[in-house]
Amino acid sequence: MENKVLLRIHEDLEFIKQKVIVMDNELEDISKDLHIVRPEYLKKLEKIQQGKFHSFDSKEKFIEFLDNEI
């Protein structure tokens, strides 16, 4: 009986260990993605730092602006 309980605990711990490994790998992937900044975002950040903000009267003007910026 004691051996069965110990075996079950061992199996549960192995299962948890595998899950932690998977979660750690996923967190590493997420962390890598979060630190990559696309060049167009860097340009937008520079404009924000310079204090250039835009407002638009219509959706069409906004889309036209985006087309010219990208």
C-alpha atoms as a PDB file:
ATOM      1  CA  MET A   1       0.000   0.000   0.000  1.00  0.00           C
ATOM      2  CA  GLU A   2       2.751   2.462   0.932  1.00  0.00           C
ATOM      3  CA  ASN A   3       4.589   1.680  -2.303  1.00  0.00           C
ATOM      4  CA  LYS A   4       1.448   2.448  -4.322  1.00  0.00           C
ATOM      5  CA  VAL A   5       1.088   5.821  -2.627  1.00  0.00           C
ATOM      6  CA  LEU A   6       4.755   6.617  -3.190  1.00  0.00           C
ATOM      7  CA  LEU A   7       4.495   5.559  -6.826  1.00  0.00           C
ATOM      8  CA  ARG A   8       1.434   7.742  -7.306  1.00  0.00           C
ATOM      9  CA  ILE A   9       3.216  10.715  -5.710  1.00  0.00           C
ATOM     10  CA  HIS A  10       6.212  10.105  -7.964  1.00  0.00           C
ATOM     11  CA  GLU A  11       4.003   9.982 -11.067  1.00  0.00           C
ATOM     12  CA  ASP A  12       2.205  13.155 -10.031  1.00  0.00           C
ATOM     13  CA  LEU A  13       5.496  14.943  -9.449  1.00  0.00           C
ATOM     14  CA  GLU A  14       6.800  13.855 -12.848  1.00  0.00           C
ATOM     15  CA  PHE A  15       3.608  15.117 -14.463  1.00  0.00           C
ATOM     16  CA  ILE A  16       3.905  18.470 -12.689  1.00  0.00           C
ATOM     17  CA  LYS A  17       7.584  18.686 -13.629  1.00  0.00           C
ATOM     18  CA  GLN A  18       6.728  18.217 -17.310  1.00  0.00           C
ATOM     19  CA  LYS A  19       4.016  20.872 -17.113  1.00  0.00           C
ATOM     20  CA  VAL A  20       6.420  23.342 -15.494  1.00  0.00           C
ATOM     21  CA  ILE A  21       8.970  22.703 -18.254  1.00  0.00           C
ATOM     22  CA  VAL A  22       6.338  23.371 -20.916  1.00  0.00           C
ATOM     23  CA  MET A  23       5.194  26.564 -19.169  1.00  0.00           C
ATOM     24  CA  ASP A  24       8.788  27.749 -18.809  1.00  0.00           C
ATOM     25  CA  ASN A  25       9.392  27.235 -22.525  1.00  0.00           C
ATOM     26  CA  GLU A  26       6.197  29.097 -23.390  1.00  0.00           C
ATOM     27  CA  LEU A  27       7.184  31.986 -21.130  1.00  0.00           C
ATOM     28  CA  GLU A  28      10.578  32.187 -22.819  1.00  0.00           C
ATOM     29  CA  ASP A  29       8.875  32.355 -26.222  1.00  0.00           C
ATOM     30  CA  ILE A  30       6.524  35.084 -25.019  1.00  0.00           C
ATOM     31  CA  SER A  31       9.408  37.025 -23.510  1.00  0.00           C
ATOM     32  CA  LYS A  32      11.350  36.856 -26.778  1.00  0.00           C
ATOM     33  CA  ASP A  33       8.309  38.104 -28.705  1.00  0.00           C
ATOM     34  CA  LEU A  34       7.765  40.983 -26.309  1.00  0.00           C
ATOM     35  CA  HIS A  35      11.286  42.294 -26.729  1.00  0.00           C
ATOM     36  CA  ILE A  36      11.239  42.429 -30.519  1.00  0.00           C
ATOM     37  CA  VAL A  37      10.210  45.871 -31.792  1.00  0.00           C
ATOM     38  CA  ARG A  38       9.325  46.296 -35.426  1.00  0.00           C
ATOM     39  CA  PRO A  39      11.082  49.213 -37.182  1.00  0.00           C
ATOM     40  CA  GLU A  40       7.803  50.994 -37.985  1.00  0.00           C
ATOM     41  CA  TYR A  41       6.996  51.105 -34.272  1.00  0.00           C
ATOM     42  CA  LEU A  42      10.353  52.688 -33.558  1.00  0.00           C
ATOM     43  CA  LYS A  43       9.491  55.441 -36.065  1.00  0.00           C
ATOM     44  CA  LYS A  44       6.141  55.979 -34.377  1.00  0.00           C
ATOM     45  CA  LEU A  45       7.801  56.149 -30.970  1.00  0.00           C
ATOM     46  CA  GLU A  46      10.201  58.798 -32.259  1.00  0.00           C
ATOM     47  CA  LYS A  47       7.253  60.887 -33.461  1.00  0.00           C
ATOM     48  CA  ILE A  48       5.496  60.524 -30.129  1.00  0.00           C
ATOM     49  CA  GLN A  49       8.654  61.567 -28.313  1.00  0.00           C
ATOM     50  CA  GLN A  50       8.839  64.639 -30.552  1.00  0.00           C
ATOM     51  CA  GLY A  51       5.289  65.533 -29.539  1.00  0.00           C
ATOM     52  CA  LYS A  52       3.602  64.966 -32.895  1.00  0.00           C
ATOM     53  CA  PHE A  53       0.052  63.826 -32.370  1.00  0.00           C
ATOM     54  CA  HIS A  54      -2.591  63.623 -35.076  1.00  0.00           C
ATOM     55  CA  SER A  55      -6.360  63.816 -34.991  1.00  0.00           C
ATOM     56  CA  PHE A  56      -8.673  62.848 -37.807  1.00  0.00           C
ATOM     57  CA  ASP A  57     -12.181  63.925 -38.802  1.00  0.00           C
ATOM     58  CA  SER A  58     -13.013  60.704 -40.588  1.00  0.00           C
ATOM     59  CA  LYS A  59     -12.020  57.101 -40.930  1.00  0.00           C
ATOM     60  CA  GLU A  60     -10.954  57.736 -44.530  1.00  0.00           C
ATOM     61  CA  LYS A  61      -8.481  60.449 -43.512  1.00  0.00           C
ATOM     62  CA  PHE A  62      -7.071  58.156 -40.860  1.00  0.00           C
ATOM     63  CA  ILE A  63      -6.616  55.304 -43.356  1.00  0.00           C
ATOM     64  CA  GLU A  64      -5.034  57.700 -45.865  1.00  0.00           C
ATOM     65  CA  PHE A  65      -2.620  58.873 -43.190  1.00  0.00           C
ATOM     66  CA  LEU A  66      -1.704  55.288 -42.299  1.00  0.00           C
ATOM     67  CA  ASP A  67      -1.121  54.412 -45.946  1.00  0.00           C
ATOM     68  CA  ASN A  68       1.294  57.327 -46.274  1.00  0.00           C
ATOM     69  CA  GLU A  69       3.106  56.487 -43.038  1.00  0.00           C
ATOM     70  CA  ILE A  70       3.723  52.823 -43.746  1.00  0.00           C
END
